């Protein structure tokens, strides 16, 4: 039984230069059509489901008008009242105090802000329309309404971003931002993003690695636990919704471009807006065999500090994990890249640095 659901809002006020997600510039008429289409899918996908977590992502959910956002949240209310964690992504330039109050009234208790950088020249380059003062204002307003679980996203490895800029941003955030969670993402140049079309090149790999290593050490020193390869949280403030992904639980995907996983199948909803309006989700379905699922379970779980729950894995797949993967595990344990303790297999700090290489060892034979 699925306990988590994700809903994708495709609209943005502006298109960021690095973004290749399913998104389009906000248009009032399209948003109205989208609301009608999403209501049908919500009723279909969530009928009879009791959820623990719900996540509204995008795109930019806060790009919807107050009344459109209200309609969406009212549609969801019968299904989100049971949620322990209900997150919405937002940009600070489209999240005002009225929308924050609306979120609070409709069970949203966690906000994830797309900050990306505090440097004016970098924000201009990636086409983000906010500054440090806007972010501080938004965080203050969230707290004033009673939404105290706040996460921010940051990007490192941006063109022209220096190590000193990165250090300054992290110092500013730790000292002045009353937040509980930080997600760090290395810039990926996607082919269909503006950066991709302009053939922008990634910065030097060594500088990017140094930025990540500095952030890990600095955030740990300042009260943030490094609980997943890209995520840091103060005590008790892990993203419960994302933990469901990393624990390889089933989840429901709603909206154009959304993905889900249920009953040994992964599905990807259509990314075409006209198809979505006329035919609904129209998912592409991928059947997962046992070896696919075992590998994906290992891949997702080893991203986290706690690692892979051996008992849970063995119960799911009816095999002995240590016997099944003895050949792969022994050298990794001997080299202290992985550790086995308290019923879990987890990556060491050294192992986290080369996690992709470790995961290749577990790839199933064709």
Foldseek 3Di string as FASTA:
>chain_A
DAQEAEEEDAEACDAFQQDDALHDHDDVVLLVLQLVLLLVVCCVQCVPHAHAEYEYEYHALLVDDLVSNLSVLVSCQVRCPRYPAYEYEHELVRDDLSSLLSCVVSNHQEYEYEPAAQDVVQCVNRVRPDHPVSQLVSQVSNVVSPNQAYEYEYEPQGVPDALVRLVVGLVCCLVRPSHFKYFYYYRDRDCPGNCNVVVPDTPDPVRRLVSLVVSQVVVVVRQWDQFFLGMTGHPPNDDPNLVCVLQVHWYHYTDQQTWTDDDQKIWGFHSDSVCCSPPNRPIDIDGHDLLNSLLSNQLSQQRGQQRHQQVVSCVVNVDRPCVVCVVLVVVCVVVQQWDDDPRHIYGDPVVSSVVVVSSVSSRDDD
